Protein backbone atom coordinates (compact mmCIF):
# COMPACT_ATOMS: atom_id res chain seq x y z
CA UNK A 1 -4.11 8.10 -20.51
CA UNK A 2 -2.73 9.04 -17.09
CA UNK A 3 -2.87 8.41 -13.39
CA UNK A 4 -6.54 8.80 -12.49
CA UNK A 5 -6.71 7.96 -8.76
CA UNK A 6 -4.29 7.94 -5.83
CA UNK A 7 -4.87 6.90 -2.24
CA UNK A 8 -3.50 5.11 0.80
CA UNK A 9 -4.90 2.69 3.36
CA UNK A 10 -3.83 0.30 6.09
CA UNK A 11 -3.53 -3.43 5.51
CA UNK A 12 -3.10 -5.17 8.88
CA UNK A 13 -4.49 -8.73 8.92
CA UNK A 14 -6.56 -8.00 12.03
CA UNK A 15 -8.73 -5.66 9.95
CA UNK A 16 -10.53 -8.73 8.64
CA UNK A 17 -9.33 -11.53 10.93
CA UNK A 18 -10.41 -9.88 14.19
CA UNK A 19 -13.30 -7.77 12.94
CA UNK A 20 -15.77 -9.05 15.53
CA UNK A 21 -13.37 -8.16 18.36
CA UNK A 22 -13.14 -4.45 17.50
CA UNK A 23 -15.24 -1.71 19.02
CA UNK A 24 -17.98 -1.10 16.42
CA UNK A 25 -17.97 2.61 17.27
CA UNK A 26 -14.57 2.93 15.61
CA UNK A 27 -14.53 -0.17 13.39
CA UNK A 28 -17.68 0.68 11.46
CA UNK A 29 -16.61 4.24 10.51
CA UNK A 30 -13.31 2.75 9.33
CA UNK A 31 -15.12 0.24 7.14
CA UNK A 32 -17.39 2.99 5.82
CA UNK A 33 -14.33 5.02 4.86
CA UNK A 34 -12.94 2.07 2.95
CA UNK A 35 -16.31 1.75 1.23
CA UNK A 36 -16.12 5.43 0.34
CA UNK A 37 -12.67 4.92 -1.12
CA UNK A 38 -14.01 2.04 -3.20
CA UNK A 39 -16.70 4.34 -4.59
CA UNK A 40 -14.15 7.01 -5.43
CA UNK A 41 -11.90 4.43 -7.07
CA UNK A 42 -14.74 3.07 -9.18
CA UNK A 43 -15.80 6.59 -10.18
CA UNK A 44 -12.34 7.12 -11.68
CA UNK A 45 -13.01 4.22 -14.11
CA UNK A 46 -9.49 2.77 -14.04
CA UNK A 47 -8.35 0.04 -16.39
CA UNK A 48 -5.93 -1.27 -13.76
CA UNK A 49 -5.06 -0.74 -10.11
CA UNK A 50 -1.43 -0.63 -9.03
CA UNK A 51 -1.08 -1.60 -5.37
CA UNK A 52 2.22 -0.55 -3.78
CA UNK A 53 2.65 -2.68 -0.69
CA UNK A 54 5.25 -4.01 1.71
CA UNK A 55 6.06 -7.67 1.15
CA UNK A 56 6.12 -9.76 4.32
CA UNK A 57 8.58 -12.49 3.24
CA UNK A 58 5.89 -14.35 1.36
CA UNK A 59 7.61 -14.09 -2.03
CA UNK A 60 10.93 -12.37 -1.41
CA UNK A 61 13.34 -13.39 1.32
CA UNK A 62 16.88 -12.66 2.39
CA UNK A 63 18.33 -14.71 -0.50
CA UNK A 64 16.74 -12.20 -2.91
CA UNK A 65 15.27 -8.95 -1.57
CA UNK A 66 14.73 -6.37 -4.32
CA UNK A 67 14.37 -2.72 -3.38
CA UNK A 68 11.44 -2.55 -5.83
CA UNK A 69 9.48 -5.28 -7.57
CA UNK A 70 6.44 -5.16 -9.86
CA UNK A 71 4.20 -8.03 -10.89
CA UNK A 72 3.94 -9.00 -14.55
CA UNK A 73 1.33 -11.75 -14.78
CA UNK A 74 -2.17 -12.31 -16.09
CA UNK A 75 -3.32 -13.51 -12.69
CA UNK A 76 -2.14 -13.78 -9.11
CA UNK A 77 -3.21 -15.89 -6.14
CA UNK A 78 -3.99 -15.07 -2.57
CA UNK A 79 -4.14 -14.75 0.26
CA UNK A 80 -1.25 -16.92 1.35
CA UNK A 81 -2.58 -16.85 4.92
CA UNK A 82 -5.20 -19.32 6.13
CA UNK A 83 -8.40 -17.95 4.55
CA UNK A 84 -10.46 -19.12 7.52
CA UNK A 85 -8.27 -17.07 9.84
CA UNK A 86 -7.94 -14.00 7.60
CA UNK A 87 -11.61 -14.32 6.59
CA UNK A 88 -10.76 -13.69 2.94
CA UNK A 89 -11.43 -16.47 0.46
CA UNK A 90 -8.45 -17.79 -1.50
CA UNK A 91 -8.84 -16.97 -5.18
CA UNK A 92 -7.21 -16.01 -8.45
CA UNK A 93 -6.93 -12.26 -8.86
CA UNK A 94 -6.81 -10.83 -12.39
CA UNK A 95 -3.71 -9.10 -13.68
CA UNK A 96 -2.57 -7.86 -17.07
CA UNK A 97 0.89 -9.07 -18.04
CA UNK A 98 1.09 -7.00 -21.22
CA UNK A 99 0.09 -3.78 -19.47
CA UNK A 100 2.49 -4.54 -16.61
CA UNK A 101 5.31 -5.08 -19.11
CA UNK A 102 4.73 -1.66 -20.64
CA UNK A 103 4.53 -0.02 -17.21
CA UNK A 104 7.72 -1.74 -16.05
CA UNK A 105 9.48 -0.69 -19.24
CA UNK A 106 8.58 2.91 -18.43
CA UNK A 107 9.74 2.56 -14.82
CA UNK A 108 13.11 1.23 -15.94
CA UNK A 109 13.88 4.53 -17.65
CA UNK A 110 14.68 6.03 -14.25
CA UNK A 111 14.38 3.37 -11.50
CA UNK A 112 15.80 -0.15 -11.36
CA UNK A 113 12.92 -2.52 -10.65
CA UNK A 114 12.67 -6.29 -10.51
CA UNK A 115 9.65 -8.02 -11.98
CA UNK A 116 7.84 -11.18 -11.00
CA UNK A 117 5.72 -13.35 -13.27
CA UNK A 118 4.50 -15.24 -10.20
CA UNK A 119 3.24 -13.50 -7.08
CA UNK A 120 1.20 -14.81 -4.19
CA UNK A 121 -0.61 -12.05 -2.34
CA UNK A 122 -0.39 -11.87 1.42
CA UNK A 123 -2.57 -9.68 3.65
CA UNK A 124 -0.65 -6.60 2.52
CA UNK A 125 -2.53 -6.71 -0.79
CA UNK A 126 -5.41 -9.08 -0.02
CA UNK A 127 -6.92 -6.99 2.78
CA UNK A 128 -7.14 -3.76 0.73
CA UNK A 129 -8.52 -5.62 -2.30
CA UNK A 130 -11.17 -7.25 -0.11
CA UNK A 131 -12.64 -3.79 0.52
CA UNK A 132 -11.68 -1.87 -2.61
CA UNK A 133 -12.31 -4.42 -5.38
CA UNK A 134 -14.74 -6.88 -3.78
CA UNK A 135 -15.88 -8.22 -7.18
CA UNK A 136 -12.25 -8.84 -8.23
CA UNK A 137 -13.05 -7.55 -11.69
CA UNK A 138 -10.22 -5.01 -12.00
CA UNK A 139 -6.74 -5.88 -13.25
CA UNK A 140 -4.19 -5.60 -10.44
CA UNK A 141 -0.54 -4.64 -10.82
CA UNK A 142 1.20 -5.50 -7.53
CA UNK A 143 4.34 -3.64 -6.48
CA UNK A 144 6.62 -4.05 -3.53
CA UNK A 145 9.00 -1.71 -1.74
CA UNK A 146 11.46 -3.37 0.61
CA UNK A 147 10.29 -2.28 4.06
CA UNK A 148 11.33 -5.54 5.75
CA UNK A 149 14.92 -6.66 5.26
CA UNK A 150 17.76 -4.22 6.04
CA UNK A 151 19.26 -2.42 4.29
CA UNK A 152 15.83 -0.95 3.66
CA UNK A 153 14.97 1.01 0.54
CA UNK A 154 15.96 4.65 1.33
CA UNK A 155 13.07 7.07 1.65
CA UNK A 156 14.30 9.31 -1.15
CA UNK A 157 14.39 6.28 -3.44
CA UNK A 158 10.80 5.38 -2.49
CA UNK A 159 9.94 8.93 -3.54
CA UNK A 160 11.78 8.46 -6.83
CA UNK A 161 9.83 5.23 -7.38
CA UNK A 162 6.58 7.18 -7.04
CA UNK A 163 7.80 9.78 -9.53
CA UNK A 164 8.67 6.99 -11.94
CA UNK A 165 5.20 5.46 -11.52
CA UNK A 166 3.64 8.77 -12.48
CA UNK A 167 5.80 9.20 -15.59
CA UNK A 168 5.18 5.62 -16.69
CA UNK A 169 1.42 5.81 -16.04
CA UNK A 170 1.05 9.10 -17.88
CA UNK A 171 2.73 7.60 -20.93
CA UNK A 172 0.17 4.78 -21.18
CA UNK A 173 -3.19 4.93 -22.99
CA UNK A 174 -4.83 3.03 -20.11
CA UNK A 175 -6.25 4.67 -16.99
CA UNK A 176 -4.14 3.72 -13.96
CA UNK A 177 -5.22 3.93 -10.32
CA UNK A 178 -2.67 3.78 -7.49
CA UNK A 179 -3.01 2.64 -3.87
CA UNK A 180 -0.23 2.65 -1.30
CA UNK A 181 -0.86 0.34 1.62
CA UNK A 182 1.01 -0.12 4.87
CA UNK A 183 1.21 0.97 8.51
CA UNK A 184 1.32 3.53 9.97
CA UNK A 185 2.78 2.87 13.44
CA UNK A 186 2.64 -0.75 14.56
CA UNK A 187 4.76 -3.44 16.14
CA UNK A 188 3.56 -6.65 14.44
CA UNK A 189 4.56 -10.09 15.68
CA UNK A 190 6.24 -8.70 18.81
CA UNK A 191 5.29 -8.45 22.49
CA UNK A 192 4.30 -4.84 21.68
CA UNK A 193 1.68 -5.91 19.13
CA UNK A 194 -1.33 -3.64 19.59
CA UNK A 195 0.78 -0.65 20.56
CA UNK A 196 0.05 2.41 18.41
CA UNK A 197 1.81 5.80 18.54
CA UNK A 198 -1.06 8.12 17.72
CA UNK A 199 1.06 11.29 17.99
CA UNK A 200 3.65 9.95 15.55
CA UNK A 201 0.92 8.87 13.14
CA UNK A 202 -0.72 12.29 13.32
CA UNK A 203 2.54 14.05 12.57
CA UNK A 204 3.29 11.80 9.62
CA UNK A 205 -0.21 12.19 8.18
CA UNK A 206 0.13 15.97 8.46
CA UNK A 207 3.34 15.79 6.40
CA UNK A 208 1.63 13.45 3.92
CA UNK A 209 -1.46 15.67 3.60
CA UNK A 210 0.73 18.66 2.79
CA UNK A 211 2.76 16.49 0.40
CA UNK A 212 5.86 17.83 2.06
CA UNK A 213 8.63 15.87 0.42
CA UNK A 214 11.41 17.21 2.63
CA UNK A 215 9.49 16.43 5.81
CA UNK A 216 8.42 12.95 4.70
CA UNK A 217 11.90 11.91 3.62
CA UNK A 218 13.62 13.31 6.71
CA UNK A 219 12.92 10.33 8.98
CA UNK A 220 15.85 8.12 9.88
CA UNK A 221 15.32 4.39 10.20
CA UNK A 222 16.37 4.63 13.84
CA UNK A 223 13.73 7.27 14.57
CA UNK A 224 11.04 5.35 12.74
CA UNK A 225 11.85 2.11 14.54
CA UNK A 226 11.78 3.90 17.90
CA UNK A 227 8.58 5.85 17.35
CA UNK A 228 6.63 3.83 14.77
CA UNK A 229 7.89 0.29 15.25
CA UNK A 230 9.23 -1.97 12.54
CA UNK A 231 5.84 -1.63 10.87
CA UNK A 232 6.46 2.10 10.58
CA UNK A 233 8.98 1.40 7.83
CA UNK A 234 5.95 0.96 5.56
CA UNK A 235 5.62 4.75 5.27
CA UNK A 236 7.58 4.16 2.07
CA UNK A 237 4.40 3.10 0.30
CA UNK A 238 2.66 6.33 1.35
CA UNK A 239 5.63 8.36 0.09
CA UNK A 240 5.48 6.74 -3.31
CA UNK A 241 1.81 7.70 -3.68
CA UNK A 242 2.54 11.30 -2.66
CA UNK A 243 5.33 11.52 -5.21
CA UNK A 244 3.14 10.10 -7.95
CA UNK A 245 0.07 12.22 -7.21
CA UNK A 246 1.91 15.54 -6.61
CA UNK A 247 -1.17 17.08 -4.98
CA UNK A 248 -2.49 17.48 -1.45
CA UNK A 249 -3.87 14.64 0.60
CA UNK A 250 -7.13 14.28 2.49
CA UNK A 251 -7.15 11.92 5.46
CA UNK A 252 -10.66 10.52 5.33
CA UNK A 253 -10.19 8.32 8.38
CA UNK A 254 -7.63 7.74 11.07
CA UNK A 255 -8.01 6.02 14.41
CA UNK A 256 -5.87 3.71 16.52
CA UNK A 257 -7.58 0.32 16.71
CA UNK A 258 -5.42 -1.80 19.02
CA UNK A 259 -7.16 -5.11 18.25
CA UNK A 260 -6.23 -4.51 14.60
CA UNK A 261 -2.70 -3.72 15.86
CA UNK A 262 -2.28 -0.59 13.73
CA UNK A 263 -3.23 3.03 13.34
CA UNK A 264 -5.98 2.54 10.75
CA UNK A 265 -5.85 5.02 7.89
CA UNK A 266 -7.77 5.89 4.73
CA UNK A 267 -6.58 8.81 2.61
CA UNK A 268 -6.99 10.16 -0.91
CA UNK A 269 -4.60 12.48 -2.70
CA UNK A 270 -5.39 14.92 -5.48
CA UNK A 271 -3.57 14.38 -8.76
CA UNK A 272 -1.75 17.41 -10.13
């Protein structure tokens, strides 16, 4: 069929783990925006949801760190974190190995991707799914862009990955939805945890909303690390969605929520 939905959202573990500690005046509108995204996703009637995330050394480590990886299994497990801490129950999440195989085959026409027949979801995928597919009745195709272990995947290659997703999805008879999940600015697991650069986030989201490829791919890693923290490297997932969708983006929610340790974002992009 084609790509039928494209959006982005944040995935920090504090979004669920520290929910009761957040100011409800900003937390509740954020949750409502995620609920609105769920409704939009369901209205698109996808057969599968591809989640492009940033792996946090749960499955890939420095002995094998692919630039891109896509899951190819009939089910996945997660979260890997303590479910009592993350406040998300550990479960099996449905996949579709045969559909993933066909999608990966299409991706390989233009982008080299690894595949994984086993994948344990960390908060990077589990937190978005908790809000967007709470019944866990939609097949998930997980994907990873290396935003963690230098040398990082170059931004222009993250863009090319998104273009490849679009070509592969459009060649399938199934309806494919796409979510990119990551930062934006944050300094996880450091003394600066909770710091958020609202100005940097606003500038990036403006570039994303305009789907300005040149502007989004112009960041250097040094600039991103300085202004957005090591968590800012996850802009790669947002770039891939922009490249796949080709349209303009609508930021439906953004606010810095320090107890969640990230600039919390919900955005949907038109598909052109």
